[in-house]
Amino acid sequence: MDKVYEFLVGEIGLKYGDTIVVGVSGGPDSMALLHLLSQIKKEADIFIICAHVNHNVRKESAKEKEFLQTYCDNNQITFETMTIEDYGDDNFHNEARTKRYNYFGKIVKKYGATYLFTAHHADDLIETILMRIARGSTLRGYSGFSKMVDLGDYKIIRPFISVTKKEIINYNKRNNISYVEDASNNEIKYTRNRYRKYLLPFLKREDPNIHEKFIKFSNTLIEYNNFIDRHMYSCIHDTYQQN
């Protein structure tokens, strides 16, 4: 996790007084991120808001909320939560994601935060790219997701994008970090879970560092897409000026 720490302190430059929101489910990934940011908090006295969404589809959700509330109380972290009361979309994951990010945006605005952190990691990136290749997407879509997204008022940061799930689990073990397990992550009725269970292990057996290839692929597509966007805007601007 040293490279993640260096990214947060060096490249991002988290400093005294910064206010950040962290999306936390209570699982191993987000708890590792919350722990790492808590260590930086001890050094730089940043203000952390833990934002938790109860998706309200499992009976364990209430206990997970209590688990996070206790963790935040013990570590002087502000805790915010909301419960999704109903769903209308046939695609549960898409609707849940939309509602989750809408909520995170409200919390960012409430506290005037500079950053929103999420714990998406390298394995998530591989799964996302493969799923989009299978179903079809745009050039930007095929890249998966970015390490940093500038939304103007704040930035979304995914510092674990270069870290594998295995590295996160090992980090939790070394630091005795408690977390909750979501049993639905093992249900193969969900597309992502099938990719995670069947395709990811195969790719990692072929190449233990396969995530590095996918990160390079993602970054290349993002660069190409940005170049096309800049060229397009330039052409539109020149046409407008001529008229």
Protein backbone atom coordinates (compact mmCIF):
# COMPACT_ATOMS: atom_id res chain seq x y z
CA MET A 1 0.00 0.00 0.00
CA ASP A 2 3.04 2.26 0.03
CA LYS A 3 2.33 3.45 -3.52
CA VAL A 4 -1.23 4.32 -2.54
CA TYR A 5 0.00 6.30 0.45
CA GLU A 6 2.50 8.15 -1.74
CA PHE A 7 -0.25 8.93 -4.23
CA LEU A 8 -2.52 10.36 -1.53
CA VAL A 9 0.13 12.39 0.25
CA GLY A 10 2.39 13.21 -2.69
CA GLU A 11 0.39 13.42 -5.91
CA ILE A 12 -3.01 14.34 -4.47
CA GLY A 13 -1.39 16.26 -1.64
CA LEU A 14 -3.88 15.69 1.17
CA LYS A 15 -3.07 18.32 3.73
CA TYR A 16 -4.13 19.84 7.02
CA GLY A 17 -7.74 20.88 7.04
CA ASP A 18 -8.84 19.08 3.87
CA THR A 19 -12.38 17.70 4.00
CA ILE A 20 -12.98 14.37 2.26
CA VAL A 21 -15.93 12.01 1.87
CA VAL A 22 -15.30 8.27 1.71
CA GLY A 23 -17.89 5.86 0.33
CA VAL A 24 -17.80 2.88 2.71
CA SER A 25 -19.82 -0.32 2.54
CA GLY A 26 -18.04 -2.00 5.44
CA GLY A 27 -16.43 -4.62 3.19
CA PRO A 28 -12.68 -5.37 3.01
CA ASP A 29 -11.93 -2.84 0.24
CA SER A 30 -13.63 0.22 1.70
CA MET A 31 -12.48 -0.58 5.26
CA ALA A 32 -8.88 -0.77 4.05
CA LEU A 33 -9.31 2.64 2.40
CA LEU A 34 -10.94 4.13 5.48
CA HIS A 35 -8.12 2.76 7.65
CA LEU A 36 -5.43 4.16 5.36
CA LEU A 37 -7.06 7.58 5.31
CA SER A 38 -7.40 7.41 9.10
CA GLN A 39 -3.62 6.98 9.32
CA ILE A 40 -3.14 10.09 7.19
CA LYS A 41 -5.64 11.87 9.44
CA LYS A 42 -3.33 11.31 12.39
CA GLU A 43 -0.53 13.07 10.53
CA ALA A 44 -2.35 15.79 8.60
CA ASP A 45 -5.57 16.23 10.63
CA ILE A 46 -7.84 15.93 7.62
CA PHE A 47 -11.60 15.87 8.19
CA ILE A 48 -13.11 12.52 7.13
CA ILE A 49 -16.79 11.83 6.51
CA CYS A 50 -17.70 8.16 6.16
CA ALA A 51 -20.73 7.93 3.85
CA HIS A 52 -22.60 4.63 3.99
CA VAL A 53 -25.55 3.47 1.89
CA ASN A 54 -27.86 0.75 3.17
CA HIS A 55 -29.13 -0.92 0.00
CA ASN A 56 -31.91 -2.50 2.03
CA VAL A 57 -31.86 -5.90 0.31
CA ARG A 58 -30.22 -8.04 3.02
CA LYS A 59 -31.13 -8.61 6.64
CA GLU A 60 -27.48 -8.05 7.64
CA SER A 61 -27.57 -4.43 6.47
CA ALA A 62 -28.65 -3.03 9.85
CA LYS A 63 -25.74 -4.73 11.62
CA GLU A 64 -23.31 -3.45 8.99
CA LYS A 65 -24.51 0.07 9.66
CA GLU A 66 -23.95 -0.42 13.41
CA PHE A 67 -20.48 -1.86 12.73
CA LEU A 68 -19.50 1.25 10.75
CA GLN A 69 -21.06 3.63 13.25
CA THR A 70 -18.98 2.07 16.03
CA TYR A 71 -15.79 2.19 13.96
CA CYS A 72 -16.30 5.86 13.16
CA ASP A 73 -17.10 6.74 16.78
CA ASN A 74 -13.90 5.02 17.91
CA ASN A 75 -11.77 6.82 15.31
CA GLN A 76 -13.25 10.35 15.45
CA ILE A 77 -14.76 10.06 11.96
CA THR A 78 -18.07 11.71 11.06
CA PHE A 79 -20.64 9.10 10.00
CA GLU A 80 -23.42 9.73 7.48
CA THR A 81 -25.85 7.13 6.18
CA MET A 82 -28.99 6.69 4.12
CA THR A 83 -31.29 3.79 3.28
CA ILE A 84 -32.65 3.09 -0.19
CA GLU A 85 -36.36 2.53 0.36
CA ASP A 86 -37.38 1.22 -3.04
CA TYR A 87 -36.16 0.30 -6.49
CA GLY A 88 -37.87 0.84 -9.82
CA ASP A 89 -35.24 -0.20 -12.37
CA ASP A 90 -34.90 -3.80 -13.55
CA ASN A 91 -31.12 -3.41 -13.35
CA PHE A 92 -30.54 -3.39 -9.59
CA HIS A 93 -26.82 -2.63 -9.73
CA ASN A 94 -27.19 0.32 -12.09
CA GLU A 95 -30.00 1.87 -10.07
CA ALA A 96 -28.19 1.29 -6.77
CA ARG A 97 -25.03 2.86 -8.18
CA THR A 98 -26.92 5.94 -9.39
CA LYS A 99 -28.64 6.44 -6.04
CA ARG A 100 -25.39 5.83 -4.19
CA TYR A 101 -23.44 8.46 -6.13
CA ASN A 102 -26.32 10.94 -5.91
CA TYR A 103 -26.21 10.54 -2.15
CA PHE A 104 -22.43 10.87 -2.01
CA GLY A 105 -22.72 14.09 -4.03
CA LYS A 106 -25.17 15.50 -1.48
CA ILE A 107 -22.80 14.67 1.38
CA VAL A 108 -19.89 16.28 -0.47
CA LYS A 109 -21.97 19.44 -0.91
CA LYS A 110 -23.17 19.39 2.71
CA TYR A 111 -19.62 19.46 4.08
CA GLY A 112 -17.97 21.40 1.27
CA ALA A 113 -15.61 18.48 0.65
CA THR A 114 -12.82 18.58 -1.91
CA TYR A 115 -12.72 14.87 -2.67
CA LEU A 116 -14.93 11.80 -2.80
CA PHE A 117 -12.97 8.58 -2.32
CA THR A 118 -14.13 5.14 -3.37
CA ALA A 119 -12.36 1.80 -2.94
CA HIS A 120 -12.57 0.45 -6.50
CA HIS A 121 -9.44 -1.61 -7.15
CA ALA A 122 -7.56 -3.27 -10.01
CA ASP A 123 -9.71 -6.42 -10.01
CA ASP A 124 -12.84 -4.26 -10.28
CA LEU A 125 -11.28 -2.53 -13.29
CA ILE A 126 -10.63 -5.84 -15.06
CA GLU A 127 -14.21 -6.99 -14.46
CA THR A 128 -15.65 -3.70 -15.69
CA ILE A 129 -13.58 -3.67 -18.89
CA LEU A 130 -14.44 -7.29 -19.71
CA MET A 131 -18.16 -6.75 -19.14
CA ARG A 132 -18.20 -3.67 -21.38
CA ILE A 133 -16.31 -5.46 -24.12
CA ALA A 134 -18.88 -8.27 -23.96
CA ARG A 135 -21.93 -6.03 -24.12
CA GLY A 136 -20.49 -3.23 -26.27
CA SER A 137 -19.62 0.33 -25.30
CA THR A 138 -17.89 3.53 -26.40
CA LEU A 139 -14.17 4.18 -26.56
CA ARG A 140 -14.40 5.86 -23.16
CA GLY A 141 -16.61 3.11 -21.81
CA TYR A 142 -14.18 0.36 -22.77
CA SER A 143 -11.56 2.02 -20.52
CA GLY A 144 -13.55 1.05 -17.43
CA PHE A 145 -13.16 3.85 -14.90
CA SER A 146 -10.57 6.50 -14.11
CA LYS A 147 -8.32 6.94 -11.12
CA MET A 148 -9.44 10.55 -10.87
CA VAL A 149 -12.54 12.32 -12.19
CA ASP A 150 -12.82 16.10 -11.95
CA LEU A 151 -16.47 17.12 -11.50
CA GLY A 152 -15.65 20.78 -11.04
CA ASP A 153 -16.85 21.27 -7.46
CA TYR A 154 -15.00 18.17 -6.29
CA LYS A 155 -12.99 15.21 -7.55
CA ILE A 156 -13.72 11.49 -7.37
CA ILE A 157 -10.55 9.63 -6.39
CA ARG A 158 -10.02 5.86 -6.69
CA PRO A 159 -6.59 5.38 -5.12
CA PHE A 160 -6.78 1.56 -5.13
CA ILE A 161 -7.02 1.28 -8.92
CA SER A 162 -3.46 -0.10 -9.08
CA VAL A 163 -3.96 -2.47 -6.13
CA THR A 164 -5.35 -6.01 -6.38
CA LYS A 165 -7.94 -7.57 -4.10
CA LYS A 166 -5.26 -9.90 -2.73
CA GLU A 167 -3.09 -6.94 -1.71
CA ILE A 168 -6.06 -5.34 0.05
CA ILE A 169 -6.84 -8.52 1.98
CA ASN A 170 -3.19 -8.83 3.02
CA TYR A 171 -3.20 -5.19 4.16
CA ASN A 172 -6.25 -5.89 6.32
CA LYS A 173 -4.58 -8.94 7.86
CA ARG A 174 -1.38 -7.06 8.67
CA ASN A 175 -3.30 -4.25 10.35
CA ASN A 176 -6.00 -6.37 12.00
CA ILE A 177 -8.74 -4.47 10.19
CA SER A 178 -12.23 -5.80 10.78
CA TYR A 179 -14.79 -5.79 7.97
CA VAL A 180 -18.10 -7.36 7.00
CA GLU A 181 -18.72 -9.91 4.26
CA ASP A 182 -21.55 -9.44 1.77
CA ALA A 183 -22.83 -12.91 0.89
CA SER A 184 -24.50 -11.56 -2.27
CA ASN A 185 -21.03 -11.09 -3.78
CA ASN A 186 -20.97 -14.87 -4.26
CA GLU A 187 -24.32 -15.11 -6.04
CA ILE A 188 -23.72 -15.92 -9.70
CA LYS A 189 -27.07 -14.50 -10.76
CA TYR A 190 -25.20 -11.18 -10.91
CA THR A 191 -23.10 -10.65 -14.03
CA ARG A 192 -20.10 -9.15 -12.25
CA ASN A 193 -19.94 -12.06 -9.83
CA ARG A 194 -19.73 -14.53 -12.71
CA TYR A 195 -16.81 -12.62 -14.21
CA ARG A 196 -15.19 -12.49 -10.76
CA LYS A 197 -15.64 -16.20 -10.11
CA TYR A 198 -14.84 -17.70 -13.51
CA LEU A 199 -12.84 -15.28 -15.69
CA LEU A 200 -10.64 -13.44 -13.21
CA PRO A 201 -9.02 -16.59 -11.72
CA PHE A 202 -8.26 -17.89 -15.22
CA LEU A 203 -6.59 -14.62 -16.26
CA LYS A 204 -4.55 -14.47 -13.07
CA ARG A 205 -3.34 -18.01 -13.58
CA GLU A 206 -2.19 -17.03 -17.06
CA ASP A 207 -0.45 -13.93 -15.71
CA PRO A 208 -0.35 -12.97 -12.01
CA ASN A 209 0.26 -9.34 -13.06
CA ILE A 210 -2.59 -9.23 -15.57
CA HIS A 211 -4.03 -6.21 -13.76
CA GLU A 212 -1.08 -4.13 -14.92
CA LYS A 213 -1.96 -4.89 -18.56
CA PHE A 214 -5.56 -3.84 -18.01
CA ILE A 215 -4.49 -0.62 -16.28
CA LYS A 216 -2.26 0.21 -19.26
CA PHE A 217 -5.13 -0.63 -21.65
CA SER A 218 -7.48 1.62 -19.69
CA ASN A 219 -5.05 4.53 -19.56
CA THR A 220 -4.35 4.25 -23.29
CA LEU A 221 -8.04 4.41 -24.19
CA ILE A 222 -8.56 7.37 -21.87
CA GLU A 223 -5.68 9.22 -23.56
CA TYR A 224 -7.09 8.44 -27.02
CA ASN A 225 -10.56 9.53 -26.00
CA ASN A 226 -9.26 12.78 -24.49
CA PHE A 227 -7.28 13.51 -27.67
CA ILE A 228 -10.37 12.97 -29.83
CA ASP A 229 -12.45 15.19 -27.53
CA ARG A 230 -9.88 18.00 -27.66
CA HIS A 231 -9.65 17.77 -31.45
CA MET A 232 -13.44 17.73 -31.79
CA TYR A 233 -13.88 20.78 -29.56
CA SER A 234 -11.14 22.58 -31.47
CA CYS A 235 -12.87 21.88 -34.80
CA ILE A 236 -16.22 23.03 -33.43
CA HIS A 237 -14.62 26.21 -32.08
CA ASP A 238 -12.90 26.94 -35.39
CA THR A 239 -16.13 26.38 -37.31
CA TYR A 240 -18.01 28.67 -34.94
CA GLN A 241 -15.36 31.38 -35.32
CA GLN A 242 -15.51 31.18 -39.11
CA ASN A 243 -19.28 31.60 -39.07
